[in-house]
């Protein structure tokens, strides 16, 4: 049971990060596009990345993570590496909200976006992704009492 929860957790996390990165990369392309048909198509791809990849991936990763914690709560709730991971997961949730709201608002024409801002979002998503990995994998070994 624990092994399957771990597989679901990792799969969800992978899907989540992939969806956020794809959406942000498409948004970066969307900013530079002037043709209305192309802009509409790119907005659709952004929506697909969020709704078909990032949203279900986040839900799966979070639910499987909660279930994993319940399998051995006395260990997990006292693990320092997990507390550090929680901080980065909260940042990832915030980034997810930012990417989703900015993408939707940009597609509807309510806001304009700067390429530098979207590049920064992309870099921050990658850094948070790496931070989650580092907190989880080496953190489990290095931060265990």
Protein backbone atom coordinates (compact mmCIF):
# COMPACT_ATOMS: atom_id res chain seq x y z
CA UNK A 1 0.00 0.00 0.00
CA UNK A 2 2.74 2.48 0.94
CA UNK A 3 4.68 1.74 -2.26
CA UNK A 4 1.59 2.49 -4.38
CA UNK A 5 0.93 5.71 -2.47
CA UNK A 6 4.52 6.74 -3.10
CA UNK A 7 4.14 5.99 -6.82
CA UNK A 8 0.93 8.07 -6.94
CA UNK A 9 2.61 10.88 -5.00
CA UNK A 10 5.60 11.01 -7.34
CA UNK A 11 3.42 10.70 -10.45
CA UNK A 12 1.17 13.52 -9.23
CA UNK A 13 4.16 15.72 -8.43
CA UNK A 14 5.66 15.06 -11.86
CA UNK A 15 2.37 15.88 -13.57
CA UNK A 16 1.98 19.02 -11.45
CA UNK A 17 5.43 20.40 -12.25
CA UNK A 18 5.12 19.44 -15.93
CA UNK A 19 1.80 21.26 -16.22
CA UNK A 20 3.13 24.40 -14.55
CA UNK A 21 6.28 24.45 -16.68
CA UNK A 22 4.35 23.80 -19.89
CA UNK A 23 1.81 26.50 -19.11
CA UNK A 24 4.52 29.02 -18.29
CA UNK A 25 6.50 28.23 -21.44
CA UNK A 26 3.38 28.55 -23.60
CA UNK A 27 2.51 31.81 -21.82
CA UNK A 28 5.97 33.10 -22.68
CA UNK A 29 5.28 32.34 -26.35
CA UNK A 30 1.77 33.81 -26.05
CA UNK A 31 3.19 37.18 -24.97
CA UNK A 32 5.16 37.52 -28.19
CA UNK A 33 2.31 36.48 -30.50
CA UNK A 34 0.21 39.07 -32.33
CA UNK A 35 -2.10 37.00 -34.54
CA UNK A 36 -5.53 36.60 -32.87
CA UNK A 37 -5.96 32.99 -34.02
CA UNK A 38 -2.55 32.01 -32.67
CA UNK A 39 -3.21 33.85 -29.39
CA UNK A 40 -6.50 31.97 -28.96
CA UNK A 41 -4.77 28.65 -29.65
CA UNK A 42 -1.98 29.39 -27.18
CA UNK A 43 -4.53 30.39 -24.53
CA UNK A 44 -6.24 27.03 -25.07
CA UNK A 45 -2.96 25.18 -24.62
CA UNK A 46 -2.29 27.13 -21.42
CA UNK A 47 -5.71 26.17 -20.10
CA UNK A 48 -5.09 22.54 -21.05
CA UNK A 49 -1.73 22.53 -19.24
CA UNK A 50 -3.35 23.82 -16.10
CA UNK A 51 -6.64 21.93 -16.11
CA UNK A 52 -5.47 18.61 -17.56
CA UNK A 53 -2.01 18.38 -16.00
CA UNK A 54 -1.19 20.79 -13.18
CA UNK A 55 -4.53 20.76 -11.34
CA UNK A 56 -5.00 16.95 -11.26
CA UNK A 57 -1.30 16.47 -10.57
CA UNK A 58 -1.42 18.82 -7.60
CA UNK A 59 -4.52 17.13 -6.24
CA UNK A 60 -3.01 13.66 -6.64
CA UNK A 61 0.35 14.65 -5.12
CA UNK A 62 -1.24 16.35 -2.13
CA UNK A 63 -3.80 13.61 -1.42
CA UNK A 64 -1.24 10.82 -1.81
CA UNK A 65 1.18 12.80 0.39
CA UNK A 66 -1.43 13.16 3.13
CA UNK A 67 -2.21 9.44 2.94
CA UNK A 68 1.52 8.65 3.10
CA UNK A 69 1.82 10.74 6.26
CA UNK A 70 -1.06 8.84 7.86
CA UNK A 71 0.75 5.54 7.28
CA UNK A 72 3.45 6.54 9.80
CA UNK A 73 2.42 9.84 11.33
CA UNK A 74 4.66 9.48 14.39
CA UNK A 75 7.71 9.55 12.10
CA UNK A 76 6.57 11.95 9.40
CA UNK A 77 5.13 14.65 11.64
CA UNK A 78 8.46 14.88 13.49
CA UNK A 79 10.72 14.69 10.42
CA UNK A 80 12.54 18.00 9.91
CA UNK A 81 12.99 17.35 6.19
CA UNK A 82 9.21 17.07 5.79
CA UNK A 83 8.63 20.42 7.48
CA UNK A 84 11.08 22.00 5.05
CA UNK A 85 9.33 20.24 2.17
CA UNK A 86 5.96 21.60 3.38
CA UNK A 87 7.31 25.15 3.04
CA UNK A 88 8.31 24.54 -0.56
CA UNK A 89 5.01 22.82 -1.35
CA UNK A 90 3.16 25.87 -0.02
CA UNK A 91 5.31 28.02 -2.31
CA UNK A 92 4.46 25.71 -5.20
CA UNK A 93 0.75 26.04 -4.44
CA UNK A 94 1.14 29.84 -4.46
CA UNK A 95 3.00 29.68 -7.78
CA UNK A 96 0.24 27.47 -9.18
CA UNK A 97 -2.34 30.10 -8.25
CA UNK A 98 -0.21 32.89 -9.74
CA UNK A 99 0.34 31.06 -13.03
CA UNK A 100 -3.34 30.15 -13.27
CA UNK A 101 -4.70 33.60 -12.53
CA UNK A 102 -2.15 35.42 -14.70
CA UNK A 103 -2.70 33.05 -17.62
CA UNK A 104 -6.48 33.42 -17.45
CA UNK A 105 -6.34 37.20 -17.07
CA UNK A 106 -3.84 37.55 -19.92
CA UNK A 107 -5.91 35.34 -22.24
CA UNK A 108 -9.00 37.45 -21.58
CA UNK A 109 -7.10 40.70 -22.19
CA UNK A 110 -7.54 42.03 -18.64
CA UNK A 111 -3.79 42.33 -18.02
CA UNK A 112 -0.56 42.59 -19.96
CA UNK A 113 2.48 40.56 -19.03
CA UNK A 114 6.18 41.22 -19.35
CA UNK A 115 8.41 38.47 -20.75
CA UNK A 116 10.87 39.05 -17.90
CA UNK A 117 8.15 38.43 -15.32
CA UNK A 118 7.10 35.15 -16.96
CA UNK A 119 10.74 34.05 -17.25
CA UNK A 120 11.14 34.78 -13.54
CA UNK A 121 8.05 32.66 -12.81
CA UNK A 122 9.58 29.84 -14.84
CA UNK A 123 12.88 30.05 -12.96
CA UNK A 124 11.16 30.17 -9.56
CA UNK A 125 9.06 27.10 -10.43
CA UNK A 126 12.22 25.19 -11.35
CA UNK A 127 13.99 26.31 -8.16
CA UNK A 128 11.04 25.32 -5.97
CA UNK A 129 10.86 21.97 -7.79
CA UNK A 130 14.56 21.35 -7.09
CA UNK A 131 14.11 22.47 -3.48
CA UNK A 132 11.31 19.94 -2.95
CA UNK A 133 13.55 17.21 -4.37
CA UNK A 134 16.52 18.22 -2.24
CA UNK A 135 14.41 18.50 0.92
CA UNK A 136 12.94 15.06 0.26
CA UNK A 137 15.77 12.91 -1.00
CA UNK A 138 19.02 14.08 0.66
CA UNK A 139 17.01 15.84 3.36
CA UNK A 140 15.59 12.56 4.56
CA UNK A 141 19.11 11.23 5.02
CA UNK A 142 20.81 14.38 6.30
CA UNK A 143 18.04 15.80 8.48
CA UNK A 144 17.02 12.64 10.31
CA UNK A 145 17.77 12.54 14.00
